[in-house]
Amino acid sequence: MQQTMFEFINHYGYFALYILLSAGIVGVPVPDETLMAIVGSLTAPGGPFRFTTALMVIYAGTMTGMIVSYTLGHRVGKPLLYRYGKWFKLTPGRIERAEGWFKKYGLWTVFFGYFVPGVRHFTCYLSGVSGVKFYKYLLYAGTGAMLWCTTFLTLGHFIGRNLEGIFHLLHRYMGMSFLVLAVFAGIGCYIYLRLRKRRTV
């Protein structure tokens, strides 16, 4: 799947980014964050993409998917999700989870839902089903989408420019990191066993 996706990007560039992000938001199993991070790494100096252009295209694709999903939810309603959602990994359990978030936090679920796997694909549908005013939906969805796209594209851009240095640091300090983790794990096990012993006494 990922190899085919990257071949598609190599052949069609920005157009492929737009299509993939649109489809990913609607529910097609596209690794959105991974895709944006990799594209971000390709915006480093000498890369095939420009950061600003890539951000605009990714943002446009994300918002297209959000608008399509909202429209489907508004016109067809929840039965659409239960009938066809399984084809896009929109299972009843995930629908109920997202609906609970939506009832509790309202449109803030749309804003923060981008960063929660298994939630962002439902918030747009549920906004349409709930009859949320379109302009309010665009405000929250658009702001959240810009933050989401910028975060992962920038992360990929930074990693792309410093990948060699990151690998060097990992190689240099990996042994020390494992030692520190082992010490903390040992302390945690000791505390857990002491507490468990006191409870049984």
C-alpha atoms as a PDB file:
ATOM      1  CA  MET A   1       0.000   0.000   0.000  1.00  0.00           C
ATOM      2  CA  GLN A   2       2.670   2.519   1.038  1.00  0.00           C
ATOM      3  CA  GLN A   3       4.930   1.630  -1.890  1.00  0.00           C
ATOM      4  CA  THR A   4       2.050   2.192  -4.317  1.00  0.00           C
ATOM      5  CA  MET A   5       1.231   5.479  -2.584  1.00  0.00           C
ATOM      6  CA  PHE A   6       4.783   6.794  -2.907  1.00  0.00           C
ATOM      7  CA  GLU A   7       4.973   5.714  -6.546  1.00  0.00           C
ATOM      8  CA  PHE A   8       1.774   7.694  -7.107  1.00  0.00           C
ATOM      9  CA  ILE A   9       3.409  10.737  -5.510  1.00  0.00           C
ATOM     10  CA  ASN A  10       6.571  10.314  -7.575  1.00  0.00           C
ATOM     11  CA  HIS A  11       4.531  10.261 -10.779  1.00  0.00           C
ATOM     12  CA  TYR A  12       1.955  12.988 -10.049  1.00  0.00           C
ATOM     13  CA  GLY A  13       3.569  15.176  -7.387  1.00  0.00           C
ATOM     14  CA  TYR A  14       1.317  17.765  -5.759  1.00  0.00           C
ATOM     15  CA  PHE A  15      -1.801  16.419  -7.449  1.00  0.00           C
ATOM     16  CA  ALA A  16      -1.185  13.043  -5.789  1.00  0.00           C
ATOM     17  CA  LEU A  17      -0.794  14.732  -2.392  1.00  0.00           C
ATOM     18  CA  TYR A  18      -4.129  16.464  -2.821  1.00  0.00           C
ATOM     19  CA  ILE A  19      -5.948  13.259  -3.815  1.00  0.00           C
ATOM     20  CA  LEU A  20      -4.393  11.161  -1.036  1.00  0.00           C
ATOM     21  CA  LEU A  21      -5.157  13.650   1.747  1.00  0.00           C
ATOM     22  CA  SER A  22      -8.725  14.113   0.506  1.00  0.00           C
ATOM     23  CA  ALA A  23      -9.295  10.360   0.415  1.00  0.00           C
ATOM     24  CA  GLY A  24      -7.618   9.849   3.796  1.00  0.00           C
ATOM     25  CA  ILE A  25      -9.967  12.275   5.544  1.00  0.00           C
ATOM     26  CA  VAL A  26     -13.044  10.688   3.956  1.00  0.00           C
ATOM     27  CA  GLY A  27     -11.964   7.340   5.378  1.00  0.00           C
ATOM     28  CA  VAL A  28      -9.731   5.594   2.852  1.00  0.00           C
ATOM     29  CA  PRO A  29      -6.865   3.919   4.807  1.00  0.00           C
ATOM     30  CA  VAL A  30      -4.127   6.418   3.961  1.00  0.00           C
ATOM     31  CA  PRO A  31      -1.357   6.941   6.598  1.00  0.00           C
ATOM     32  CA  ASP A  32      -1.949  10.699   6.725  1.00  0.00           C
ATOM     33  CA  GLU A  33       0.622  11.710   9.358  1.00  0.00           C
ATOM     34  CA  THR A  34       3.327   9.462   7.878  1.00  0.00           C
ATOM     35  CA  LEU A  35       2.609  10.834   4.427  1.00  0.00           C
ATOM     36  CA  MET A  36       2.859  14.456   5.570  1.00  0.00           C
ATOM     37  CA  ALA A  37       6.055  13.826   7.532  1.00  0.00           C
ATOM     38  CA  ILE A  38       7.721  12.144   4.552  1.00  0.00           C
ATOM     39  CA  VAL A  39       6.631  14.932   2.223  1.00  0.00           C
ATOM     40  CA  GLY A  40       7.968  17.392   4.788  1.00  0.00           C
ATOM     41  CA  SER A  41      11.356  15.669   4.665  1.00  0.00           C
ATOM     42  CA  LEU A  42      11.284  16.112   0.884  1.00  0.00           C
ATOM     43  CA  THR A  43      10.914  19.889   1.285  1.00  0.00           C
ATOM     44  CA  ALA A  44      14.424  20.147   2.734  1.00  0.00           C
ATOM     45  CA  PRO A  45      16.967  22.008   0.556  1.00  0.00           C
ATOM     46  CA  GLY A  46      17.491  20.060  -2.649  1.00  0.00           C
ATOM     47  CA  GLY A  47      14.224  18.146  -2.244  1.00  0.00           C
ATOM     48  CA  PRO A  48      11.542  17.862  -4.956  1.00  0.00           C
ATOM     49  CA  PHE A  49       8.861  19.786  -3.033  1.00  0.00           C
ATOM     50  CA  ARG A  50       8.564  23.339  -1.751  1.00  0.00           C
ATOM     51  CA  PHE A  51       7.367  23.670   1.850  1.00  0.00           C
ATOM     52  CA  THR A  52       4.803  26.443   1.286  1.00  0.00           C
ATOM     53  CA  THR A  53       3.329  24.815  -1.819  1.00  0.00           C
ATOM     54  CA  ALA A  54       3.166  21.400  -0.145  1.00  0.00           C
ATOM     55  CA  LEU A  55       1.401  22.916   2.877  1.00  0.00           C
ATOM     56  CA  MET A  56      -1.180  24.648   0.682  1.00  0.00           C
ATOM     57  CA  VAL A  57      -1.867  21.472  -1.302  1.00  0.00           C
ATOM     58  CA  ILE A  58      -2.096  19.242   1.783  1.00  0.00           C
ATOM     59  CA  TYR A  59      -4.371  21.745   3.518  1.00  0.00           C
ATOM     60  CA  ALA A  60      -6.615  21.985   0.454  1.00  0.00           C
ATOM     61  CA  GLY A  61      -6.844  18.187   0.244  1.00  0.00           C
ATOM     62  CA  THR A  62      -7.669  17.900   3.943  1.00  0.00           C
ATOM     63  CA  MET A  63     -10.403  20.522   3.749  1.00  0.00           C
ATOM     64  CA  THR A  64     -11.864  18.935   0.620  1.00  0.00           C
ATOM     65  CA  GLY A  65     -12.189  15.635   2.460  1.00  0.00           C
ATOM     66  CA  MET A  66     -13.744  17.367   5.468  1.00  0.00           C
ATOM     67  CA  ILE A  67     -16.329  19.176   3.324  1.00  0.00           C
ATOM     68  CA  VAL A  68     -17.236  16.002   1.402  1.00  0.00           C
ATOM     69  CA  SER A  69     -17.668  14.070   4.656  1.00  0.00           C
ATOM     70  CA  TYR A  70     -19.751  16.846   6.235  1.00  0.00           C
ATOM     71  CA  THR A  71     -21.990  16.994   3.177  1.00  0.00           C
ATOM     72  CA  LEU A  72     -22.522  13.220   3.168  1.00  0.00           C
ATOM     73  CA  GLY A  73     -23.316  13.236   6.872  1.00  0.00           C
ATOM     74  CA  HIS A  74     -25.728  16.147   6.478  1.00  0.00           C
ATOM     75  CA  ARG A  75     -27.634  14.705   3.513  1.00  0.00           C
ATOM     76  CA  VAL A  76     -27.565  10.979   4.199  1.00  0.00           C
ATOM     77  CA  GLY A  77     -27.150  10.807   7.966  1.00  0.00           C
ATOM     78  CA  LYS A  78     -25.886   8.142  10.345  1.00  0.00           C
ATOM     79  CA  PRO A  79     -27.267   5.119   8.397  1.00  0.00           C
ATOM     80  CA  LEU A  80     -24.574   5.798   5.785  1.00  0.00           C
ATOM     81  CA  LEU A  81     -21.867   5.230   8.398  1.00  0.00           C
ATOM     82  CA  TYR A  82     -23.334   1.989   9.707  1.00  0.00           C
ATOM     83  CA  ARG A  83     -24.004   0.593   6.249  1.00  0.00           C
ATOM     84  CA  TYR A  84     -20.825   1.487   4.395  1.00  0.00           C
ATOM     85  CA  GLY A  85     -18.434   2.539   7.159  1.00  0.00           C
ATOM     86  CA  LYS A  86     -16.917  -0.947   7.493  1.00  0.00           C
ATOM     87  CA  TRP A  87     -15.341  -0.542   4.061  1.00  0.00           C
ATOM     88  CA  PHE A  88     -13.380   2.437   5.415  1.00  0.00           C
ATOM     89  CA  LYS A  89     -12.655   1.014   8.889  1.00  0.00           C
ATOM     90  CA  LEU A  90     -15.469   3.131  10.349  1.00  0.00           C
ATOM     91  CA  THR A  91     -16.685   0.428  12.714  1.00  0.00           C
ATOM     92  CA  PRO A  92     -19.741   0.869  15.006  1.00  0.00           C
ATOM     93  CA  GLY A  93     -17.441   0.939  18.036  1.00  0.00           C
ATOM     94  CA  ARG A  94     -15.378   3.776  16.607  1.00  0.00           C
ATOM     95  CA  ILE A  95     -18.528   5.628  15.566  1.00  0.00           C
ATOM     96  CA  GLU A  96     -19.882   5.439  19.129  1.00  0.00           C
ATOM     97  CA  ARG A  97     -16.546   6.569  20.543  1.00  0.00           C
ATOM     98  CA  ALA A  98     -16.402   9.595  18.260  1.00  0.00           C
ATOM     99  CA  GLU A  99     -20.064  10.379  18.925  1.00  0.00           C
ATOM    100  CA  GLY A 100     -19.371  10.369  22.673  1.00  0.00           C
ATOM    101  CA  TRP A 101     -16.523  12.823  22.168  1.00  0.00           C
ATOM    102  CA  PHE A 102     -18.718  14.985  19.949  1.00  0.00           C
ATOM    103  CA  LYS A 103     -21.563  15.122  22.489  1.00  0.00           C
ATOM    104  CA  LYS A 104     -19.122  15.960  25.283  1.00  0.00           C
ATOM    105  CA  TYR A 105     -16.870  18.501  23.583  1.00  0.00           C
ATOM    106  CA  GLY A 106     -18.938  19.710  20.623  1.00  0.00           C
ATOM    107  CA  LEU A 107     -17.048  21.298  17.749  1.00  0.00           C
ATOM    108  CA  TRP A 108     -13.790  21.186  19.712  1.00  0.00           C
ATOM    109  CA  THR A 109     -13.822  17.500  18.786  1.00  0.00           C
ATOM    110  CA  VAL A 110     -13.448  18.570  15.163  1.00  0.00           C
ATOM    111  CA  PHE A 111     -10.552  20.872  16.070  1.00  0.00           C
ATOM    112  CA  PHE A 112      -8.568  18.333  18.126  1.00  0.00           C
ATOM    113  CA  GLY A 113      -9.884  15.232  16.359  1.00  0.00           C
ATOM    114  CA  TYR A 114      -7.199  15.460  13.685  1.00  0.00           C
ATOM    115  CA  PHE A 115      -4.613  14.387  16.247  1.00  0.00           C
ATOM    116  CA  VAL A 116      -6.624  11.417  17.560  1.00  0.00           C
ATOM    117  CA  PRO A 117      -6.397   8.252  15.407  1.00  0.00           C
ATOM    118  CA  GLY A 118      -9.794   6.743  14.741  1.00  0.00           C
ATOM    119  CA  VAL A 119     -11.644   9.970  15.578  1.00  0.00           C
ATOM    120  CA  ARG A 120     -10.931  12.528  12.857  1.00  0.00           C
ATOM    121  CA  HIS A 121     -12.634  10.379  10.205  1.00  0.00           C
ATOM    122  CA  PHE A 122     -15.921  10.567  12.126  1.00  0.00           C
ATOM    123  CA  THR A 123     -16.061  14.125  13.409  1.00  0.00           C
ATOM    124  CA  CYS A 124     -16.825  15.557   9.989  1.00  0.00           C
ATOM    125  CA  TYR A 125     -19.642  13.066   9.341  1.00  0.00           C
ATOM    126  CA  LEU A 126     -21.099  13.645  12.808  1.00  0.00           C
ATOM    127  CA  SER A 127     -20.972  17.407  12.317  1.00  0.00           C
ATOM    128  CA  GLY A 128     -23.145  17.015   9.246  1.00  0.00           C
ATOM    129  CA  VAL A 129     -25.470  14.527  10.950  1.00  0.00           C
ATOM    130  CA  SER A 130     -25.885  16.869  13.940  1.00  0.00           C
ATOM    131  CA  GLY A 131     -26.840  19.792  11.724  1.00  0.00           C
ATOM    132  CA  VAL A 132     -23.951  22.021  12.792  1.00  0.00           C
ATOM    133  CA  LYS A 133     -23.945  25.314  10.900  1.00  0.00           C
ATOM    134  CA  PHE A 134     -21.562  25.026   7.956  1.00  0.00           C
ATOM    135  CA  TYR A 135     -19.686  28.255   8.703  1.00  0.00           C
ATOM    136  CA  LYS A 136     -19.036  27.135  12.282  1.00  0.00           C
ATOM    137  CA  TYR A 137     -17.866  23.777  11.032  1.00  0.00           C
ATOM    138  CA  LEU A 138     -15.477  25.429   8.563  1.00  0.00           C
ATOM    139  CA  LEU A 139     -14.051  27.632  11.313  1.00  0.00           C
ATOM    140  CA  TYR A 140     -13.187  24.752  13.641  1.00  0.00           C
ATOM    141  CA  ALA A 141     -12.283  22.269  10.900  1.00  0.00           C
ATOM    142  CA  GLY A 142     -10.170  24.783   9.007  1.00  0.00           C
ATOM    143  CA  THR A 143      -8.218  25.950  12.056  1.00  0.00           C
ATOM    144  CA  GLY A 144      -7.601  22.418  13.278  1.00  0.00           C
ATOM    145  CA  ALA A 145      -6.574  21.278   9.804  1.00  0.00           C
ATOM    146  CA  MET A 146      -4.020  24.064   9.464  1.00  0.00           C
ATOM    147  CA  LEU A 147      -2.481  23.190  12.834  1.00  0.00           C
ATOM    148  CA  TRP A 148      -2.433  19.465  12.008  1.00  0.00           C
ATOM    149  CA  CYS A 149      -0.928  19.879   8.528  1.00  0.00           C
ATOM    150  CA  THR A 150       1.674  22.411   9.668  1.00  0.00           C
ATOM    151  CA  THR A 151       2.739  20.259  12.627  1.00  0.00           C
ATOM    152  CA  PHE A 152       3.511  17.085  10.679  1.00  0.00           C
ATOM    153  CA  LEU A 153       4.895  18.806   7.605  1.00  0.00           C
ATOM    154  CA  THR A 154       7.239  20.876   9.777  1.00  0.00           C
ATOM    155  CA  LEU A 155       8.252  17.796  11.761  1.00  0.00           C
ATOM    156  CA  GLY A 156       9.139  15.987   8.544  1.00  0.00           C
ATOM    157  CA  HIS A 157      10.986  19.039   7.224  1.00  0.00           C
ATOM    158  CA  PHE A 158      13.090  19.275  10.407  1.00  0.00           C
ATOM    159  CA  ILE A 159      13.854  15.559  10.444  1.00  0.00           C
ATOM    160  CA  GLY A 160      14.707  15.622   6.756  1.00  0.00           C
ATOM    161  CA  ARG A 161      17.313  18.318   7.262  1.00  0.00           C
ATOM    162  CA  ASN A 162      18.778  16.709  10.383  1.00  0.00           C
ATOM    163  CA  LEU A 163      18.349  13.010   9.695  1.00  0.00           C
ATOM    164  CA  GLU A 164      22.080  12.306   9.697  1.00  0.00           C
ATOM    165  CA  GLY A 165      22.574  14.154  12.974  1.00  0.00           C
ATOM    166  CA  ILE A 166      19.630  12.337  14.601  1.00  0.00           C
ATOM    167  CA  PHE A 167      21.040   8.951  13.606  1.00  0.00           C
ATOM    168  CA  HIS A 168      24.435  10.002  15.001  1.00  0.00           C
ATOM    169  CA  LEU A 169      22.895  10.958  18.362  1.00  0.00           C
ATOM    170  CA  LEU A 170      20.903   7.736  18.506  1.00  0.00           C
ATOM    171  CA  HIS A 171      23.995   5.679  17.779  1.00  0.00           C
ATOM    172  CA  ARG A 172      26.040   7.594  20.350  1.00  0.00           C
ATOM    173  CA  TYR A 173      23.567   7.587  23.223  1.00  0.00           C
ATOM    174  CA  MET A 174      21.517   4.470  22.542  1.00  0.00           C
ATOM    175  CA  GLY A 175      23.458   2.357  25.048  1.00  0.00           C
ATOM    176  CA  MET A 176      23.087   4.996  27.743  1.00  0.00           C
ATOM    177  CA  SER A 177      19.379   5.349  26.990  1.00  0.00           C
ATOM    178  CA  PHE A 178      18.791   1.628  27.403  1.00  0.00           C
ATOM    179  CA  LEU A 179      20.711   1.717  30.698  1.00  0.00           C
ATOM    180  CA  VAL A 180      18.578   4.581  32.044  1.00  0.00           C
ATOM    181  CA  LEU A 181      15.381   2.838  30.937  1.00  0.00           C
ATOM    182  CA  ALA A 182      16.514  -0.399  32.604  1.00  0.00           C
ATOM    183  CA  VAL A 183      17.207   1.442  35.867  1.00  0.00           C
ATOM    184  CA  PHE A 184      13.781   3.121  35.853  1.00  0.00           C
ATOM    185  CA  ALA A 185      12.104  -0.192  34.988  1.00  0.00           C
ATOM    186  CA  GLY A 186      13.892  -1.863  37.896  1.00  0.00           C
ATOM    187  CA  ILE A 187      12.835   0.870  40.304  1.00  0.00           C
ATOM    188  CA  GLY A 188       9.259   0.657  39.044  1.00  0.00           C
ATOM    189  CA  CYS A 189       9.163  -3.122  39.535  1.00  0.00           C
ATOM    190  CA  TYR A 190      10.612  -2.789  43.035  1.00  0.00           C
ATOM    191  CA  ILE A 191       7.999  -0.207  44.081  1.00  0.00           C
ATOM    192  CA  TYR A 192       5.195  -2.274  42.557  1.00  0.00           C
ATOM    193  CA  LEU A 193       6.273  -5.444  44.381  1.00  0.00           C
ATOM    194  CA  ARG A 194       6.629  -3.559  47.710  1.00  0.00           C
ATOM    195  CA  LEU A 195       3.133  -2.095  47.379  1.00  0.00           C
ATOM    196  CA  ARG A 196       1.679  -5.435  46.404  1.00  0.00           C
ATOM    197  CA  LYS A 197       3.352  -7.103  49.414  1.00  0.00           C
ATOM    198  CA  ARG A 198       1.900  -4.503  51.787  1.00  0.00           C
ATOM    199  CA  ARG A 199      -1.604  -5.044  50.410  1.00  0.00           C
ATOM    200  CA  THR A 200      -1.407  -8.784  50.962  1.00  0.00           C
ATOM    201  CA  VAL A 201      -0.170  -8.425  54.546  1.00  0.00           C
END
